[in-house]
C-alpha atoms as a PDB file:
ATOM      1  CA  MET A   1      -0.109  -0.128   0.021  1.00  0.00           C
ATOM      2  CA  ASP A   2       1.276   3.502  -0.844  1.00  0.00           C
ATOM      3  CA  GLU A   3       1.475   5.137   2.399  1.00  0.00           C
ATOM      4  CA  THR A   4       2.262   8.411   0.710  1.00  0.00           C
ATOM      5  CA  ASN A   5      -1.151   8.774  -0.803  1.00  0.00           C
ATOM      6  CA  ILE A   6      -4.018   8.686   1.816  1.00  0.00           C
ATOM      7  CA  PHE A   7      -6.727   8.293  -0.844  1.00  0.00           C
ATOM      8  CA  ILE A   8      -5.240   5.197  -2.363  1.00  0.00           C
ATOM      9  CA  GLY A   9      -5.021   1.429  -1.307  1.00  0.00           C
ATOM     10  CA  ASP A  10      -3.898  -1.671  -2.638  1.00  0.00           C
ATOM     11  CA  HIS A  11      -7.377  -2.233  -4.102  1.00  0.00           C
ATOM     12  CA  ILE A  12      -9.438   0.697  -3.404  1.00  0.00           C
ATOM     13  CA  ARG A  13      -9.223   4.393  -3.441  1.00  0.00           C
ATOM     14  CA  LEU A  14     -11.265   6.995  -1.962  1.00  0.00           C
ATOM     15  CA  THR A  15     -13.081   9.558  -4.497  1.00  0.00           C
ATOM     16  CA  GLU A  16     -15.373  12.040  -4.421  1.00  0.00           C
ATOM     17  CA  ILE A  17     -19.153  11.159  -4.522  1.00  0.00           C
ATOM     18  CA  ASP A  18     -20.643  11.644  -7.896  1.00  0.00           C
ATOM     19  CA  PRO A  19     -24.509  12.339  -6.997  1.00  0.00           C
ATOM     20  CA  LYS A  20     -25.799  11.351 -10.572  1.00  0.00           C
ATOM     21  CA  LYS A  21     -23.811   8.178 -11.327  1.00  0.00           C
ATOM     22  CA  ASP A  22     -23.407   7.036  -7.894  1.00  0.00           C
ATOM     23  CA  ALA A  23     -27.215   7.487  -6.996  1.00  0.00           C
ATOM     24  CA  GLU A  24     -28.329   5.039 -10.035  1.00  0.00           C
ATOM     25  CA  VAL A  25     -26.122   2.325  -8.758  1.00  0.00           C
ATOM     26  CA  GLU A  26     -26.801   2.841  -5.097  1.00  0.00           C
ATOM     27  CA  ALA A  27     -30.595   2.714  -5.660  1.00  0.00           C
ATOM     28  CA  GLN A  28     -29.976  -0.716  -6.964  1.00  0.00           C
ATOM     29  CA  TRP A  29     -28.216  -1.810  -3.873  1.00  0.00           C
ATOM     30  CA  THR A  30     -31.244  -0.650  -1.735  1.00  0.00           C
ATOM     31  CA  GLN A  31     -33.148  -3.460  -3.058  1.00  0.00           C
ATOM     32  CA  ASP A  32     -31.098  -5.753  -0.913  1.00  0.00           C
ATOM     33  CA  LEU A  33     -32.548  -5.550   2.404  1.00  0.00           C
ATOM     34  CA  SER A  34     -29.143  -6.278   4.300  1.00  0.00           C
ATOM     35  CA  TYR A  35     -27.468  -2.859   2.566  1.00  0.00           C
ATOM     36  CA  ALA A  36     -30.801  -1.083   2.967  1.00  0.00           C
ATOM     37  CA  ARG A  37     -30.535  -1.836   6.627  1.00  0.00           C
ATOM     38  CA  LEU A  38     -26.899  -0.724   7.066  1.00  0.00           C
ATOM     39  CA  ARG A  39     -27.841   2.481   5.094  1.00  0.00           C
ATOM     40  CA  LYS A  40     -30.658   3.628   7.068  1.00  0.00           C
ATOM     41  CA  LYS A  41     -32.072   3.017  10.470  1.00  0.00           C
ATOM     42  CA  ASN A  42     -35.795   1.164  10.342  1.00  0.00           C
ATOM     43  CA  PRO A  43     -38.096   1.394   8.608  1.00  0.00           C
ATOM     44  CA  VAL A  44     -36.052   0.609   5.404  1.00  0.00           C
ATOM     45  CA  ARG A  45     -37.450   0.356   1.740  1.00  0.00           C
ATOM     46  CA  PRO A  46     -36.014   0.494  -1.617  1.00  0.00           C
ATOM     47  CA  LEU A  47     -35.303   3.916  -2.737  1.00  0.00           C
ATOM     48  CA  ALA A  48     -35.613   5.567  -6.305  1.00  0.00           C
ATOM     49  CA  PRO A  49     -32.469   6.857  -7.951  1.00  0.00           C
ATOM     50  CA  THR A  50     -33.958  10.294  -7.429  1.00  0.00           C
ATOM     51  CA  GLU A  51     -34.254   9.741  -3.740  1.00  0.00           C
ATOM     52  CA  VAL A  52     -30.469   8.568  -3.420  1.00  0.00           C
ATOM     53  CA  ARG A  53     -29.493  11.397  -5.314  1.00  0.00           C
ATOM     54  CA  LYS A  54     -31.250  14.107  -3.399  1.00  0.00           C
ATOM     55  CA  ASP A  55     -29.790  12.316  -0.251  1.00  0.00           C
ATOM     56  CA  LEU A  56     -26.093  12.529  -1.767  1.00  0.00           C
ATOM     57  CA  ASP A  57     -26.648  16.104  -2.652  1.00  0.00           C
ATOM     58  CA  GLU A  58     -27.701  16.799   0.922  1.00  0.00           C
ATOM     59  CA  LYS A  59     -24.618  15.160   2.037  1.00  0.00           C
ATOM     60  CA  LEU A  60     -22.177  16.957  -0.042  1.00  0.00           C
ATOM     61  CA  LYS A  61     -23.931  20.226   0.630  1.00  0.00           C
ATOM     62  CA  GLU A  62     -23.503  19.493   4.605  1.00  0.00           C
ATOM     63  CA  SER A  63     -20.123  18.736   4.285  1.00  0.00           C
ATOM     64  CA  ASP A  64     -19.449  21.981   2.041  1.00  0.00           C
ATOM     65  CA  GLU A  65     -21.374  24.402   4.367  1.00  0.00           C
ATOM     66  CA  GLY A  66     -20.713  22.805   7.965  1.00  0.00           C
ATOM     67  CA  ARG A  67     -17.331  21.078   7.556  1.00  0.00           C
ATOM     68  CA  ARG A  68     -18.685  18.655  10.237  1.00  0.00           C
ATOM     69  CA  SER A  69     -18.907  15.895   7.911  1.00  0.00           C
ATOM     70  CA  PHE A  70     -16.978  14.285   4.963  1.00  0.00           C
ATOM     71  CA  PHE A  71     -18.392  11.916   2.542  1.00  0.00           C
ATOM     72  CA  TYR A  72     -16.317   9.602  -0.152  1.00  0.00           C
ATOM     73  CA  ALA A  73     -17.131   6.827  -2.464  1.00  0.00           C
ATOM     74  CA  MET A  74     -14.929   3.816  -2.441  1.00  0.00           C
ATOM     75  CA  ARG A  75     -13.889   2.568  -5.895  1.00  0.00           C
ATOM     76  CA  ASP A  76     -11.758  -0.273  -7.169  1.00  0.00           C
ATOM     77  CA  CYS A  77      -8.308   1.148  -8.137  1.00  0.00           C
ATOM     78  CA  LEU A  78      -8.581  -0.859 -11.420  1.00  0.00           C
ATOM     79  CA  GLU A  79     -12.010  -0.052 -12.695  1.00  0.00           C
ATOM     80  CA  GLU A  80     -12.562   3.838 -12.904  1.00  0.00           C
ATOM     81  CA  ASP A  81     -16.393   3.521 -12.519  1.00  0.00           C
ATOM     82  CA  SER A  82     -16.594   0.915 -10.215  1.00  0.00           C
ATOM     83  CA  LEU A  83     -18.677   1.921  -7.017  1.00  0.00           C
ATOM     84  CA  LEU A  84     -17.883  -0.609  -4.022  1.00  0.00           C
ATOM     85  CA  GLY A  85     -19.264   1.356  -1.319  1.00  0.00           C
ATOM     86  CA  PHE A  86     -19.175   4.786   0.769  1.00  0.00           C
ATOM     87  CA  MET A  87     -17.114   6.137   3.515  1.00  0.00           C
ATOM     88  CA  TYR A  88     -18.812   8.707   6.120  1.00  0.00           C
ATOM     89  CA  ILE A  89     -17.168  10.721   8.557  1.00  0.00           C
ATOM     90  CA  THR A  90     -20.112  12.703  10.439  1.00  0.00           C
ATOM     91  CA  GLU A  91     -20.854  14.357  13.881  1.00  0.00           C
ATOM     92  CA  ILE A  92     -17.336  16.015  14.070  1.00  0.00           C
ATOM     93  CA  GLU A  93     -16.544  17.815  17.001  1.00  0.00           C
ATOM     94  CA  TRP A  94     -13.463  19.793  16.306  1.00  0.00           C
ATOM     95  CA  LYS A  95     -13.145  21.202  19.814  1.00  0.00           C
ATOM     96  CA  ASN A  96     -12.887  17.520  21.038  1.00  0.00           C
ATOM     97  CA  GLY A  97     -11.227  16.010  18.290  1.00  0.00           C
ATOM     98  CA  GLN A  98     -14.080  13.292  17.911  1.00  0.00           C
ATOM     99  CA  GLY A  99     -16.454  11.960  15.257  1.00  0.00           C
ATOM    100  CA  PHE A 100     -18.290   8.742  14.016  1.00  0.00           C
ATOM    101  CA  LEU A 101     -17.115   6.787  10.994  1.00  0.00           C
ATOM    102  CA  ARG A 102     -19.409   4.748   8.848  1.00  0.00           C
ATOM    103  CA  LEU A 103     -18.106   2.293   6.068  1.00  0.00           C
ATOM    104  CA  LEU A 104     -21.170   1.066   3.736  1.00  0.00           C
ATOM    105  CA  PHE A 105     -20.289  -1.679   0.975  1.00  0.00           C
ATOM    106  CA  LYS A 106     -22.651  -2.895  -1.616  1.00  0.00           C
ATOM    107  CA  ASN A 107     -22.965  -6.517  -0.332  1.00  0.00           C
ATOM    108  CA  ASP A 108     -21.628  -8.910   2.093  1.00  0.00           C
ATOM    109  CA  GLU A 109     -19.040 -10.444  -0.403  1.00  0.00           C
ATOM    110  CA  THR A 110     -17.670  -6.750  -1.140  1.00  0.00           C
ATOM    111  CA  THR A 111     -17.436  -6.273   2.446  1.00  0.00           C
ATOM    112  CA  ALA A 112     -15.433  -9.479   3.255  1.00  0.00           C
ATOM    113  CA  LEU A 113     -12.942  -8.268   0.400  1.00  0.00           C
ATOM    114  CA  TYR A 114     -12.493  -4.844   1.449  1.00  0.00           C
ATOM    115  CA  ILE A 115     -13.509  -3.633   4.733  1.00  0.00           C
ATOM    116  CA  ALA A 116     -10.173  -4.165   6.300  1.00  0.00           C
ATOM    117  CA  GLU A 117      -8.639  -1.855   3.481  1.00  0.00           C
ATOM    118  CA  GLY A 118     -11.196   0.464   3.723  1.00  0.00           C
ATOM    119  CA  LEU A 119     -11.144   0.657   7.387  1.00  0.00           C
ATOM    120  CA  HIS A 120      -7.342   1.286   7.153  1.00  0.00           C
ATOM    121  CA  LEU A 121      -7.836   4.235   4.476  1.00  0.00           C
ATOM    122  CA  ALA A 122     -10.455   5.820   6.580  1.00  0.00           C
ATOM    123  CA  LEU A 123      -8.450   5.827   9.614  1.00  0.00           C
ATOM    124  CA  ARG A 124      -5.416   7.057   7.932  1.00  0.00           C
ATOM    125  CA  TYR A 125      -7.652  10.031   6.729  1.00  0.00           C
ATOM    126  CA  VAL A 126      -9.218  10.202  10.152  1.00  0.00           C
ATOM    127  CA  PHE A 127      -5.993  10.646  12.301  1.00  0.00           C
ATOM    128  CA  ASP A 128      -3.462  11.813   9.778  1.00  0.00           C
ATOM    129  CA  GLU A 129      -5.548  14.279   7.737  1.00  0.00           C
ATOM    130  CA  LEU A 130      -7.981  15.421   9.804  1.00  0.00           C
ATOM    131  CA  ASN A 131      -6.134  14.996  13.022  1.00  0.00           C
ATOM    132  CA  LEU A 132      -9.104  13.731  15.068  1.00  0.00           C
ATOM    133  CA  TYR A 133      -8.341  12.163  18.197  1.00  0.00           C
ATOM    134  CA  HIS A 134     -11.072   9.709  19.026  1.00  0.00           C
ATOM    135  CA  ILE A 135     -13.379   8.216  16.253  1.00  0.00           C
ATOM    136  CA  CYS A 136     -16.610   5.998  16.903  1.00  0.00           C
ATOM    137  CA  MET A 137     -18.320   3.412  14.886  1.00  0.00           C
ATOM    138  CA  GLU A 138     -21.723   1.952  15.508  1.00  0.00           C
ATOM    139  CA  VAL A 139     -22.936  -1.279  14.548  1.00  0.00           C
ATOM    140  CA  TYR A 140     -25.369  -3.934  15.184  1.00  0.00           C
ATOM    141  CA  ASP A 141     -24.511  -7.144  16.912  1.00  0.00           C
ATOM    142  CA  CYS A 142     -25.573  -9.143  13.858  1.00  0.00           C
ATOM    143  CA  ALA A 143     -22.888  -7.409  11.341  1.00  0.00           C
ATOM    144  CA  LEU A 144     -20.336  -9.845  12.068  1.00  0.00           C
ATOM    145  CA  LEU A 145     -17.895  -8.855   8.893  1.00  0.00           C
ATOM    146  CA  HIS A 146     -17.889  -5.394  10.595  1.00  0.00           C
ATOM    147  CA  ILE A 147     -17.520  -6.276  14.036  1.00  0.00           C
ATOM    148  CA  GLN A 148     -14.417  -8.354  13.033  1.00  0.00           C
ATOM    149  CA  ALA A 149     -12.706  -5.685  11.272  1.00  0.00           C
ATOM    150  CA  ILE A 150     -13.523  -3.326  13.761  1.00  0.00           C
ATOM    151  CA  GLU A 151     -11.886  -5.334  16.324  1.00  0.00           C
ATOM    152  CA  ASN A 152      -8.991  -6.369  14.035  1.00  0.00           C
ATOM    153  CA  ALA A 153      -8.281  -2.487  13.900  1.00  0.00           C
ATOM    154  CA  LYS A 154      -7.850  -2.364  17.769  1.00  0.00           C
ATOM    155  CA  PHE A 155     -11.131  -0.601  18.278  1.00  0.00           C
ATOM    156  CA  SER A 156     -12.497  -1.197  21.888  1.00  0.00           C
ATOM    157  CA  LEU A 157     -16.206  -1.524  22.537  1.00  0.00           C
ATOM    158  CA  GLU A 158     -17.284   1.444  24.410  1.00  0.00           C
ATOM    159  CA  ALA A 159     -21.146   1.028  24.556  1.00  0.00           C
ATOM    160  CA  ARG A 160     -23.799  -1.547  24.221  1.00  0.00           C
ATOM    161  CA  LEU A 161     -27.398  -0.444  23.622  1.00  0.00           C
ATOM    162  CA  ARG A 162     -29.229  -3.761  24.457  1.00  0.00           C
ATOM    163  CA  GLU A 163     -31.924  -5.127  22.106  1.00  0.00           C
ATOM    164  CA  ILE A 164     -32.633  -1.531  20.678  1.00  0.00           C
ATOM    165  CA  THR A 165     -32.808  -2.305  17.025  1.00  0.00           C
ATOM    166  CA  TYR A 166     -35.641  -4.976  15.265  1.00  0.00           C
ATOM    167  CA  ILE A 167     -34.118  -6.699  12.303  1.00  0.00           C
ATOM    168  CA  THR A 168     -35.847  -9.640  10.847  1.00  0.00           C
ATOM    169  CA  ASP A 169     -37.869 -11.167  13.726  1.00  0.00           C
ATOM    170  CA  ALA A 170     -35.299 -10.484  16.330  1.00  0.00           C
ATOM    171  CA  TYR A 171     -33.956  -7.669  18.412  1.00  0.00           C
ATOM    172  CA  HIS A 172     -30.349  -6.854  18.332  1.00  0.00           C
ATOM    173  CA  ASP A 173     -28.076  -4.834  20.169  1.00  0.00           C
ATOM    174  CA  ARG A 174     -26.368  -1.598  18.813  1.00  0.00           C
ATOM    175  CA  LEU A 175     -22.785  -1.421  19.654  1.00  0.00           C
ATOM    176  CA  ILE A 176     -20.703   1.575  19.876  1.00  0.00           C
ATOM    177  CA  TYR A 177     -16.692   1.184  19.335  1.00  0.00           C
ATOM    178  CA  GLY A 178     -14.119   3.827  19.650  1.00  0.00           C
ATOM    179  CA  LEU A 179     -10.391   3.996  19.036  1.00  0.00           C
ATOM    180  CA  LEU A 180      -8.083   6.575  19.892  1.00  0.00           C
ATOM    181  CA  ALA A 181      -5.344   8.138  17.624  1.00  0.00           C
ATOM    182  CA  GLU A 182      -2.501   7.028  19.857  1.00  0.00           C
ATOM    183  CA  GLU A 183      -3.736   3.408  19.674  1.00  0.00           C
ATOM    184  CA  TRP A 184      -4.171   3.422  16.058  1.00  0.00           C
ATOM    185  CA  ARG A 185      -0.514   4.596  15.633  1.00  0.00           C
ATOM    186  CA  ILE A 186       0.709   2.361  17.957  1.00  0.00           C
ATOM    187  CA  SER A 187      -1.173  -0.478  15.890  1.00  0.00           C
ATOM    188  CA  GLN A 188       0.387   0.896  13.080  1.00  0.00           C
ATOM    189  CA  GLY A 189       4.157   1.068  14.421  1.00  0.00           C
ATOM    190  CA  ALA A 190       3.468  -2.646  15.505  1.00  0.00           C
ATOM    191  CA  GLU A 191       2.337  -3.901  12.175  1.00  0.00           C
ATOM    192  CA  ARG A 192       5.501  -2.113  10.317  1.00  0.00           C
END
């Protein structure tokens, strides 16, 4: 992985979001209930491309105006137009150096292939570019691929909201993991 370019990994790269093109693709993904649930809290439904575009436009406007959020598309390094997912950094509190990170991939197969690299790129951006001190990730206890990647990246479980989310005939816990900048830097030094 090229450590000098914070937007490019071995297989994926962070790019700008193209609301028109990406909305067409993401609208198809919302047909998959698993993706729709990760994208939005209950209730979920398939979205039309115009609805997704409006949402993406609002996110980009929020990013430009408030500077408390950053939104990126994740794409394959080898295929120009291949959208793999999204990276969202939101609710940034600059005074406290804190924010929330979300990674959304189009399906479980893509998640399994790219979540570790996507998380690495995201954390490099969060800690080395934005200079945040603490980042949180919120996941459901049934999102096993996300949990494994988060724990492998040395996040600590900071909160568990018990049985707060209803998904497919069962209540699930919402887990909030956190990682400090110094923990990230130590884990990176240990890997080199």
